[in-house]
C-alpha atoms as a PDB file:
ATOM      1  CA  UNK A   1     140.349 296.562  84.301  1.00  0.00           C
ATOM      2  CA  UNK A   2     137.810 293.867  83.432  1.00  0.00           C
ATOM      3  CA  UNK A   3     138.337 290.300  84.465  1.00  0.00           C
ATOM      4  CA  UNK A   4     136.690 286.930  83.963  1.00  0.00           C
ATOM      5  CA  UNK A   5     134.703 284.951  86.504  1.00  0.00           C
ATOM      6  CA  UNK A   6     134.534 281.237  85.692  1.00  0.00           C
ATOM      7  CA  UNK A   7     131.433 279.665  87.269  1.00  0.00           C
ATOM      8  CA  UNK A   8     131.283 275.868  87.583  1.00  0.00           C
ATOM      9  CA  UNK A   9     128.102 273.991  88.385  1.00  0.00           C
ATOM     10  CA  UNK A  10     128.406 270.241  88.094  1.00  0.00           C
ATOM     11  CA  UNK A  11     129.669 269.410  84.606  1.00  0.00           C
ATOM     12  CA  UNK A  12     128.814 272.873  83.210  1.00  0.00           C
ATOM     13  CA  UNK A  13     131.223 275.792  83.206  1.00  0.00           C
ATOM     14  CA  UNK A  14     130.373 279.349  82.198  1.00  0.00           C
ATOM     15  CA  UNK A  15     132.645 282.338  81.770  1.00  0.00           C
ATOM     16  CA  UNK A  16     131.353 285.821  82.630  1.00  0.00           C
ATOM     17  CA  UNK A  17     133.245 289.069  82.048  1.00  0.00           C
ATOM     18  CA  UNK A  18     132.930 291.608  84.858  1.00  0.00           C
ATOM     19  CA  UNK A  19     133.925 295.286  84.626  1.00  0.00           C
ATOM     20  CA  UNK A  20     133.447 296.244  88.296  1.00  0.00           C
ATOM     21  CA  UNK A  21     136.417 294.750  90.156  1.00  0.00           C
ATOM     22  CA  UNK A  22     136.324 296.740  93.411  1.00  0.00           C
ATOM     23  CA  UNK A  23     133.617 294.483  94.897  1.00  0.00           C
ATOM     24  CA  UNK A  24     135.898 291.432  94.685  1.00  0.00           C
ATOM     25  CA  UNK A  25     139.067 292.980  96.135  1.00  0.00           C
ATOM     26  CA  UNK A  26     139.907 291.423  99.494  1.00  0.00           C
ATOM     27  CA  UNK A  27     138.057 288.136  98.958  1.00  0.00           C
ATOM     28  CA  UNK A  28     140.149 285.057  99.679  1.00  0.00           C
ATOM     29  CA  UNK A  29     140.004 281.490  98.407  1.00  0.00           C
ATOM     30  CA  UNK A  30     137.199 279.658 100.214  1.00  0.00           C
ATOM     31  CA  UNK A  31     134.986 282.716 100.821  1.00  0.00           C
ATOM     32  CA  UNK A  32     131.469 282.930  99.449  1.00  0.00           C
ATOM     33  CA  UNK A  33     129.845 285.935  97.782  1.00  0.00           C
ATOM     34  CA  UNK A  34     126.505 286.896  96.278  1.00  0.00           C
ATOM     35  CA  UNK A  35     126.127 285.953  92.619  1.00  0.00           C
ATOM     36  CA  UNK A  36     124.342 289.238  91.966  1.00  0.00           C
ATOM     37  CA  UNK A  37     127.786 290.845  91.648  1.00  0.00           C
ATOM     38  CA  UNK A  38     128.284 288.971  88.371  1.00  0.00           C
ATOM     39  CA  UNK A  39     124.649 289.064  87.232  1.00  0.00           C
ATOM     40  CA  UNK A  40     123.544 285.724  88.720  1.00  0.00           C
ATOM     41  CA  UNK A  41     120.745 286.824  91.049  1.00  0.00           C
ATOM     42  CA  UNK A  42     119.765 284.200  93.614  1.00  0.00           C
ATOM     43  CA  UNK A  43     123.081 282.327  93.351  1.00  0.00           C
ATOM     44  CA  UNK A  44     125.824 282.042  95.961  1.00  0.00           C
ATOM     45  CA  UNK A  45     129.339 281.459  94.631  1.00  0.00           C
ATOM     46  CA  UNK A  46     132.498 280.231  96.393  1.00  0.00           C
ATOM     47  CA  UNK A  47     135.989 281.320  95.277  1.00  0.00           C
ATOM     48  CA  UNK A  48     138.155 278.269  94.477  1.00  0.00           C
ATOM     49  CA  UNK A  49     141.152 279.948  92.834  1.00  0.00           C
ATOM     50  CA  UNK A  50     142.274 282.163  90.006  1.00  0.00           C
ATOM     51  CA  UNK A  51     145.256 283.562  88.150  1.00  0.00           C
ATOM     52  CA  UNK A  52     146.956 286.921  87.763  1.00  0.00           C
ATOM     53  CA  UNK A  53     147.835 288.980  84.677  1.00  0.00           C
ATOM     54  CA  UNK A  54     151.043 286.988  84.127  1.00  0.00           C
ATOM     55  CA  UNK A  55     149.335 283.583  84.413  1.00  0.00           C
ATOM     56  CA  UNK A  56     150.524 282.656  87.915  1.00  0.00           C
ATOM     57  CA  UNK A  57     147.937 280.655  89.847  1.00  0.00           C
ATOM     58  CA  UNK A  58     146.524 281.569  93.239  1.00  0.00           C
ATOM     59  CA  UNK A  59     147.490 279.175  96.033  1.00  0.00           C
ATOM     60  CA  UNK A  60     145.371 278.770  99.153  1.00  0.00           C
ATOM     61  CA  UNK A  61     148.212 278.452 101.666  1.00  0.00           C
ATOM     62  CA  UNK A  62     150.039 281.639 100.555  1.00  0.00           C
ATOM     63  CA  UNK A  63     148.515 284.546 102.478  1.00  0.00           C
ATOM     64  CA  UNK A  64     147.985 288.002 101.016  1.00  0.00           C
ATOM     65  CA  UNK A  65     148.190 289.332  97.494  1.00  0.00           C
ATOM     66  CA  UNK A  66     151.915 288.816  96.998  1.00  0.00           C
ATOM     67  CA  UNK A  67     153.734 286.682  94.461  1.00  0.00           C
ATOM     68  CA  UNK A  68     156.386 284.309  95.828  1.00  0.00           C
ATOM     69  CA  UNK A  69     158.685 281.555  94.643  1.00  0.00           C
ATOM     70  CA  UNK A  70     157.815 278.426  96.585  1.00  0.00           C
ATOM     71  CA  UNK A  71     159.356 274.957  96.614  1.00  0.00           C
ATOM     72  CA  UNK A  72     156.539 272.681  95.430  1.00  0.00           C
ATOM     73  CA  UNK A  73     156.227 268.914  95.401  1.00  0.00           C
ATOM     74  CA  UNK A  74     152.872 268.871  93.633  1.00  0.00           C
ATOM     75  CA  UNK A  75     149.392 270.309  93.728  1.00  0.00           C
ATOM     76  CA  UNK A  76     148.319 273.739  92.481  1.00  0.00           C
ATOM     77  CA  UNK A  77     150.945 275.255  90.176  1.00  0.00           C
ATOM     78  CA  UNK A  78     153.125 272.154  89.651  1.00  0.00           C
ATOM     79  CA  UNK A  79     152.502 268.550  88.610  1.00  0.00           C
ATOM     80  CA  UNK A  80     155.725 266.463  88.792  1.00  0.00           C
ATOM     81  CA  UNK A  81     156.224 263.531  86.446  1.00  0.00           C
ATOM     82  CA  UNK A  82     157.946 261.371  89.072  1.00  0.00           C
ATOM     83  CA  UNK A  83     157.649 260.856  92.838  1.00  0.00           C
ATOM     84  CA  UNK A  84     159.903 262.947  95.063  1.00  0.00           C
ATOM     85  CA  UNK A  85     160.608 265.648  92.487  1.00  0.00           C
ATOM     86  CA  UNK A  86     160.560 269.222  93.822  1.00  0.00           C
ATOM     87  CA  UNK A  87     160.686 272.468  91.898  1.00  0.00           C
ATOM     88  CA  UNK A  88     160.686 276.136  92.768  1.00  0.00           C
ATOM     89  CA  UNK A  89     157.675 277.781  91.093  1.00  0.00           C
ATOM     90  CA  UNK A  90     156.110 281.222  91.323  1.00  0.00           C
ATOM     91  CA  UNK A  91     152.590 281.347  92.775  1.00  0.00           C
ATOM     92  CA  UNK A  92     150.194 284.132  93.769  1.00  0.00           C
ATOM     93  CA  UNK A  93     148.676 284.639  97.226  1.00  0.00           C
ATOM     94  CA  UNK A  94     145.112 283.672  98.159  1.00  0.00           C
ATOM     95  CA  UNK A  95     143.629 287.199  98.239  1.00  0.00           C
ATOM     96  CA  UNK A  96     142.026 288.858  95.209  1.00  0.00           C
ATOM     97  CA  UNK A  97     143.628 292.181  94.221  1.00  0.00           C
ATOM     98  CA  UNK A  98     143.743 294.341  91.101  1.00  0.00           C
ATOM     99  CA  UNK A  99     146.406 292.066  89.514  1.00  0.00           C
ATOM    100  CA  UNK A 100     143.988 289.124  89.306  1.00  0.00           C
ATOM    101  CA  UNK A 101     142.392 288.661  85.863  1.00  0.00           C
ATOM    102  CA  UNK A 102     140.505 285.383  86.355  1.00  0.00           C
ATOM    103  CA  UNK A 103     138.538 284.092  89.330  1.00  0.00           C
ATOM    104  CA  UNK A 104     137.422 280.464  89.490  1.00  0.00           C
ATOM    105  CA  UNK A 105     134.200 279.844  91.415  1.00  0.00           C
ATOM    106  CA  UNK A 106     131.789 277.031  92.165  1.00  0.00           C
ATOM    107  CA  UNK A 107     128.052 277.318  92.841  1.00  0.00           C
ATOM    108  CA  UNK A 108     127.137 276.591  96.471  1.00  0.00           C
ATOM    109  CA  UNK A 109     123.499 277.673  96.293  1.00  0.00           C
ATOM    110  CA  UNK A 110     121.590 277.730  93.009  1.00  0.00           C
ATOM    111  CA  UNK A 111     118.941 280.239  92.005  1.00  0.00           C
ATOM    112  CA  UNK A 112     115.564 279.714  90.343  1.00  0.00           C
ATOM    113  CA  UNK A 113     116.776 280.027  86.738  1.00  0.00           C
ATOM    114  CA  UNK A 114     119.701 278.141  85.187  1.00  0.00           C
ATOM    115  CA  UNK A 115     122.939 279.992  84.505  1.00  0.00           C
ATOM    116  CA  UNK A 116     122.647 279.352  80.761  1.00  0.00           C
ATOM    117  CA  UNK A 117     119.239 281.069  80.720  1.00  0.00           C
ATOM    118  CA  UNK A 118     120.499 284.073  82.674  1.00  0.00           C
ATOM    119  CA  UNK A 119     123.589 284.779  80.574  1.00  0.00           C
ATOM    120  CA  UNK A 120     121.985 283.719  77.286  1.00  0.00           C
ATOM    121  CA  UNK A 121     124.458 280.942  76.428  1.00  0.00           C
ATOM    122  CA  UNK A 122     121.771 278.875  74.687  1.00  0.00           C
ATOM    123  CA  UNK A 123     121.038 281.639  72.163  1.00  0.00           C
ATOM    124  CA  UNK A 124     124.651 281.780  70.953  1.00  0.00           C
ATOM    125  CA  UNK A 125     124.815 278.025  70.343  1.00  0.00           C
ATOM    126  CA  UNK A 126     121.655 278.029  68.181  1.00  0.00           C
ATOM    127  CA  UNK A 127     123.003 280.637  65.745  1.00  0.00           C
END
């Protein structure tokens, strides 16, 4: 199953679809990987989060690939409108598995060419 890798570099964000998912299985939030896996040679990317096929977000402090209902006071997965409000929300663990459909990453080491040049984003905007 293909999934999306969202790459953020400063104010720019690019979305890349990846068909080979086996290379990402087992990575956790905070780990770095070679950008060549997504076609960005020379780049190093760091996993910052993601979401599964049902839209539940990955949370760094939940270990494994499981989905749990956690009592949240704020942060990833829940943003209360008032102070002191708690709510039980479903979140996904911090490890990438086959249920994950989107991975959020940030560039930690840039390559020689810009991401827009590599994936051809500039050509689509001109047309």
